[in-house]
C-alpha atoms as a PDB file:
ATOM      1  CA  UNK A   1       0.001   0.001  -0.003  1.00  0.00           C
ATOM      2  CA  UNK A   2       1.526   3.310  -1.000  1.00  0.00           C
ATOM      3  CA  UNK A   3       1.441   6.663   0.773  1.00  0.00           C
ATOM      4  CA  UNK A   4      -1.206   8.112  -1.543  1.00  0.00           C
ATOM      5  CA  UNK A   5      -3.677   5.364  -0.632  1.00  0.00           C
ATOM      6  CA  UNK A   6      -2.936   5.812   3.088  1.00  0.00           C
ATOM      7  CA  UNK A   7      -3.318   9.583   2.810  1.00  0.00           C
ATOM      8  CA  UNK A   8      -6.587   9.236   0.929  1.00  0.00           C
ATOM      9  CA  UNK A   9      -7.819   6.717   3.493  1.00  0.00           C
ATOM     10  CA  UNK A  10      -7.039   9.133   6.298  1.00  0.00           C
ATOM     11  CA  UNK A  11      -8.762  11.981   4.458  1.00  0.00           C
ATOM     12  CA  UNK A  12     -11.824   9.794   3.879  1.00  0.00           C
ATOM     13  CA  UNK A  13     -11.998   9.066   7.623  1.00  0.00           C
ATOM     14  CA  UNK A  14     -11.771  12.802   8.351  1.00  0.00           C
ATOM     15  CA  UNK A  15     -14.567  13.353   5.834  1.00  0.00           C
ATOM     16  CA  UNK A  16     -16.771  10.774   7.543  1.00  0.00           C
ATOM     17  CA  UNK A  17     -16.198  12.498  10.884  1.00  0.00           C
ATOM     18  CA  UNK A  18     -17.009  15.785   9.163  1.00  0.00           C
ATOM     19  CA  UNK A  19     -20.436  14.478   8.220  1.00  0.00           C
ATOM     20  CA  UNK A  20     -21.263  13.548  11.811  1.00  0.00           C
ATOM     21  CA  UNK A  21     -19.731  16.750  13.229  1.00  0.00           C
ATOM     22  CA  UNK A  22     -20.886  19.227  10.605  1.00  0.00           C
ATOM     23  CA  UNK A  23     -18.037  21.684  11.026  1.00  0.00           C
ATOM     24  CA  UNK A  24     -16.006  20.119   8.226  1.00  0.00           C
ATOM     25  CA  UNK A  25     -17.458  19.610   4.718  1.00  0.00           C
ATOM     26  CA  UNK A  26     -17.318  15.804   4.936  1.00  0.00           C
ATOM     27  CA  UNK A  27     -18.608  14.820   1.497  1.00  0.00           C
ATOM     28  CA  UNK A  28     -16.415  17.403  -0.185  1.00  0.00           C
ATOM     29  CA  UNK A  29     -13.323  16.124   1.654  1.00  0.00           C
ATOM     30  CA  UNK A  30     -14.099  12.558   0.601  1.00  0.00           C
ATOM     31  CA  UNK A  31     -14.658  13.570  -3.028  1.00  0.00           C
ATOM     32  CA  UNK A  32     -11.430  15.593  -3.124  1.00  0.00           C
ATOM     33  CA  UNK A  33      -9.451  12.734  -1.574  1.00  0.00           C
ATOM     34  CA  UNK A  34     -10.786  10.132  -4.000  1.00  0.00           C
ATOM     35  CA  UNK A  35     -10.248  12.620  -6.852  1.00  0.00           C
ATOM     36  CA  UNK A  36      -6.597  12.977  -5.798  1.00  0.00           C
ATOM     37  CA  UNK A  37      -6.309   9.179  -5.776  1.00  0.00           C
ATOM     38  CA  UNK A  38      -7.832   8.977  -9.269  1.00  0.00           C
ATOM     39  CA  UNK A  39      -5.454  11.680 -10.494  1.00  0.00           C
ATOM     40  CA  UNK A  40      -2.503   9.756  -9.084  1.00  0.00           C
ATOM     41  CA  UNK A  41      -3.726   6.320 -10.242  1.00  0.00           C
ATOM     42  CA  UNK A  42      -5.333   7.103 -13.606  1.00  0.00           C
ATOM     43  CA  UNK A  43      -7.155   4.593 -15.779  1.00  0.00           C
ATOM     44  CA  UNK A  44     -10.104   2.861 -14.155  1.00  0.00           C
ATOM     45  CA  UNK A  45      -9.694   4.981 -11.037  1.00  0.00           C
ATOM     46  CA  UNK A  46     -11.605   7.734 -12.821  1.00  0.00           C
ATOM     47  CA  UNK A  47     -14.663   5.462 -13.121  1.00  0.00           C
ATOM     48  CA  UNK A  48     -14.409   4.794  -9.388  1.00  0.00           C
ATOM     49  CA  UNK A  49     -14.161   8.528  -8.759  1.00  0.00           C
ATOM     50  CA  UNK A  50     -17.282   9.126 -10.888  1.00  0.00           C
ATOM     51  CA  UNK A  51     -19.222   6.500  -8.905  1.00  0.00           C
ATOM     52  CA  UNK A  52     -17.999   7.949  -5.596  1.00  0.00           C
ATOM     53  CA  UNK A  53     -18.873  11.496  -6.673  1.00  0.00           C
ATOM     54  CA  UNK A  54     -22.363  10.388  -7.733  1.00  0.00           C
ATOM     55  CA  UNK A  55     -22.990   8.632  -4.405  1.00  0.00           C
ATOM     56  CA  UNK A  56     -21.761  11.653  -2.467  1.00  0.00           C
ATOM     57  CA  UNK A  57     -23.877  14.038  -4.545  1.00  0.00           C
ATOM     58  CA  UNK A  58     -26.997  11.952  -3.933  1.00  0.00           C
ATOM     59  CA  UNK A  59     -26.239  11.840  -0.192  1.00  0.00           C
ATOM     60  CA  UNK A  60     -25.540  15.556   0.008  1.00  0.00           C
ATOM     61  CA  UNK A  61     -28.711  16.451  -1.894  1.00  0.00           C
ATOM     62  CA  UNK A  62     -30.777  14.004   0.137  1.00  0.00           C
ATOM     63  CA  UNK A  63     -29.452  15.446   3.364  1.00  0.00           C
ATOM     64  CA  UNK A  64     -31.075  18.777   2.452  1.00  0.00           C
ATOM     65  CA  UNK A  65     -34.163  17.800   0.440  1.00  0.00           C
ATOM     66  CA  UNK A  66     -35.694  15.146   2.718  1.00  0.00           C
ATOM     67  CA  UNK A  67     -35.339  17.046   6.023  1.00  0.00           C
ATOM     68  CA  UNK A  68     -36.239  20.325   4.343  1.00  0.00           C
ATOM     69  CA  UNK A  69     -39.559  18.917   3.153  1.00  0.00           C
ATOM     70  CA  UNK A  70     -40.346  17.436   6.569  1.00  0.00           C
ATOM     71  CA  UNK A  71     -39.527  20.664   8.336  1.00  0.00           C
ATOM     72  CA  UNK A  72     -41.400  22.810   5.824  1.00  0.00           C
ATOM     73  CA  UNK A  73     -44.569  20.736   6.183  1.00  0.00           C
ATOM     74  CA  UNK A  74     -44.374  20.970   9.976  1.00  0.00           C
ATOM     75  CA  UNK A  75     -44.405  24.766   9.944  1.00  0.00           C
ATOM     76  CA  UNK A  76     -41.013  25.340  11.572  1.00  0.00           C
ATOM     77  CA  UNK A  77     -39.736  28.604  10.056  1.00  0.00           C
ATOM     78  CA  UNK A  78     -36.358  28.798   8.371  1.00  0.00           C
ATOM     79  CA  UNK A  79     -35.295  31.510  10.835  1.00  0.00           C
ATOM     80  CA  UNK A  80     -35.608  28.987  13.676  1.00  0.00           C
ATOM     81  CA  UNK A  81     -33.210  26.656  11.892  1.00  0.00           C
ATOM     82  CA  UNK A  82     -30.761  29.455  11.165  1.00  0.00           C
ATOM     83  CA  UNK A  83     -30.681  30.577  14.800  1.00  0.00           C
ATOM     84  CA  UNK A  84     -30.391  26.959  16.009  1.00  0.00           C
ATOM     85  CA  UNK A  85     -27.547  26.348  13.545  1.00  0.00           C
ATOM     86  CA  UNK A  86     -25.716  29.435  14.742  1.00  0.00           C
ATOM     87  CA  UNK A  87     -26.283  28.367  18.351  1.00  0.00           C
ATOM     88  CA  UNK A  88     -24.878  24.938  17.508  1.00  0.00           C
ATOM     89  CA  UNK A  89     -21.827  26.524  15.876  1.00  0.00           C
ATOM     90  CA  UNK A  90     -21.211  28.733  18.912  1.00  0.00           C
ATOM     91  CA  UNK A  91     -21.749  25.720  21.172  1.00  0.00           C
ATOM     92  CA  UNK A  92     -19.175  23.722  19.227  1.00  0.00           C
ATOM     93  CA  UNK A  93     -16.515  26.265  20.170  1.00  0.00           C
ATOM     94  CA  UNK A  94     -17.755  27.052  23.679  1.00  0.00           C
ATOM     95  CA  UNK A  95     -17.935  23.387  24.691  1.00  0.00           C
ATOM     96  CA  UNK A  96     -15.804  21.604  22.065  1.00  0.00           C
ATOM     97  CA  UNK A  97     -17.595  18.910  20.074  1.00  0.00           C
ATOM     98  CA  UNK A  98     -20.491  18.184  22.467  1.00  0.00           C
ATOM     99  CA  UNK A  99     -21.593  21.823  22.565  1.00  0.00           C
ATOM    100  CA  UNK A 100     -23.013  21.396  19.061  1.00  0.00           C
ATOM    101  CA  UNK A 101     -25.334  18.664  20.302  1.00  0.00           C
ATOM    102  CA  UNK A 102     -26.427  20.772  23.291  1.00  0.00           C
ATOM    103  CA  UNK A 103     -26.744  24.264  21.800  1.00  0.00           C
ATOM    104  CA  UNK A 104     -28.483  23.247  18.556  1.00  0.00           C
ATOM    105  CA  UNK A 105     -31.502  21.626  20.261  1.00  0.00           C
ATOM    106  CA  UNK A 106     -31.553  24.368  22.888  1.00  0.00           C
ATOM    107  CA  UNK A 107     -31.630  27.003  20.136  1.00  0.00           C
ATOM    108  CA  UNK A 108     -34.431  25.143  18.353  1.00  0.00           C
ATOM    109  CA  UNK A 109     -36.491  24.892  21.519  1.00  0.00           C
ATOM    110  CA  UNK A 110     -35.921  28.523  22.486  1.00  0.00           C
ATOM    111  CA  UNK A 111     -36.952  29.799  19.057  1.00  0.00           C
ATOM    112  CA  UNK A 112     -40.011  27.565  18.913  1.00  0.00           C
ATOM    113  CA  UNK A 113     -41.055  28.560  22.428  1.00  0.00           C
ATOM    114  CA  UNK A 114     -40.649  32.213  21.427  1.00  0.00           C
ATOM    115  CA  UNK A 115     -42.861  31.591  18.389  1.00  0.00           C
ATOM    116  CA  UNK A 116     -45.516  29.307  19.927  1.00  0.00           C
ATOM    117  CA  UNK A 117     -45.602  30.433  23.604  1.00  0.00           C
ATOM    118  CA  UNK A 118     -46.352  26.847  24.633  1.00  0.00           C
ATOM    119  CA  UNK A 119     -43.746  24.507  26.136  1.00  0.00           C
ATOM    120  CA  UNK A 120     -45.335  21.291  24.878  1.00  0.00           C
ATOM    121  CA  UNK A 121     -45.878  22.553  21.342  1.00  0.00           C
ATOM    122  CA  UNK A 122     -42.390  24.071  21.253  1.00  0.00           C
ATOM    123  CA  UNK A 123     -40.813  20.792  22.342  1.00  0.00           C
ATOM    124  CA  UNK A 124     -42.845  18.793  19.800  1.00  0.00           C
ATOM    125  CA  UNK A 125     -41.877  21.181  17.023  1.00  0.00           C
ATOM    126  CA  UNK A 126     -38.205  21.269  18.048  1.00  0.00           C
ATOM    127  CA  UNK A 127     -38.108  17.468  18.350  1.00  0.00           C
ATOM    128  CA  UNK A 128     -39.516  17.099  14.832  1.00  0.00           C
ATOM    129  CA  UNK A 129     -36.796  19.429  13.476  1.00  0.00           C
ATOM    130  CA  UNK A 130     -34.093  17.527  15.390  1.00  0.00           C
ATOM    131  CA  UNK A 131     -35.313  14.202  13.975  1.00  0.00           C
ATOM    132  CA  UNK A 132     -35.437  15.628  10.459  1.00  0.00           C
ATOM    133  CA  UNK A 133     -31.906  17.012  10.823  1.00  0.00           C
ATOM    134  CA  UNK A 134     -30.676  13.663  12.132  1.00  0.00           C
ATOM    135  CA  UNK A 135     -32.347  11.911   9.198  1.00  0.00           C
ATOM    136  CA  UNK A 136     -30.517  14.204   6.788  1.00  0.00           C
ATOM    137  CA  UNK A 137     -27.221  13.466   8.499  1.00  0.00           C
ATOM    138  CA  UNK A 138     -27.982   9.722   8.340  1.00  0.00           C
ATOM    139  CA  UNK A 139     -28.764   9.931   4.614  1.00  0.00           C
ATOM    140  CA  UNK A 140     -25.496  11.736   3.885  1.00  0.00           C
ATOM    141  CA  UNK A 141     -23.496   9.395   6.127  1.00  0.00           C
ATOM    142  CA  UNK A 142     -25.013   6.294   4.516  1.00  0.00           C
ATOM    143  CA  UNK A 143     -24.157   7.483   1.026  1.00  0.00           C
ATOM    144  CA  UNK A 144     -20.659   8.513   2.156  1.00  0.00           C
ATOM    145  CA  UNK A 145     -20.111   5.049   3.644  1.00  0.00           C
ATOM    146  CA  UNK A 146     -21.220   3.490   0.349  1.00  0.00           C
ATOM    147  CA  UNK A 147     -18.816   5.805  -1.482  1.00  0.00           C
ATOM    148  CA  UNK A 148     -16.039   4.845   0.926  1.00  0.00           C
ATOM    149  CA  UNK A 149     -16.779   1.157   0.412  1.00  0.00           C
ATOM    150  CA  UNK A 150     -16.710   1.681  -3.356  1.00  0.00           C
ATOM    151  CA  UNK A 151     -13.268   3.293  -3.163  1.00  0.00           C
ATOM    152  CA  UNK A 152     -11.955   0.675  -0.712  1.00  0.00           C
ATOM    153  CA  UNK A 153     -13.133  -2.250  -2.877  1.00  0.00           C
ATOM    154  CA  UNK A 154     -11.458  -0.615  -5.890  1.00  0.00           C
ATOM    155  CA  UNK A 155      -8.195  -0.206  -3.997  1.00  0.00           C
ATOM    156  CA  UNK A 156      -8.266  -3.784  -2.737  1.00  0.00           C
ATOM    157  CA  UNK A 157      -9.108  -5.018  -6.249  1.00  0.00           C
ATOM    158  CA  UNK A 158      -6.067  -3.186  -7.612  1.00  0.00           C
ATOM    159  CA  UNK A 159      -7.897  -0.597  -9.712  1.00  0.00           C
ATOM    160  CA  UNK A 160      -5.424   2.051 -10.762  1.00  0.00           C
ATOM    161  CA  UNK A 161      -2.429   0.137  -9.428  1.00  0.00           C
END
């Protein structure tokens, strides 16, 4: 195994972490890493890169479209999501890593309580948005894992070697 493959493998792992902790652009990191591998390997590696890029694009699009539709039909305004996202970003730096998972739901709940003036309705609305966001993350992660498996099978099969 050469250094390029090891470097790409490490970058792919960082990309997968970036999908779960949405501070890094995970799918983009994976695509760039596999693209660098294809550039270095040539030949059939470009077909693998095309398949990986397609899987990542489907996952990235699905991570926005599916949750966006669920949230839109529930009536949660976009401003609530923006404030919750900013709260999650601040939380990530205030309490590294876990702050994202504390501040994002807290921001959602606070904004929904401000809008609805009812604790139960605010929690139900915030919980729906949290589940939709988690579903989007799961869609993107699933497609990224399939893309990773595609690249790994190609490497183990000797594509581009």
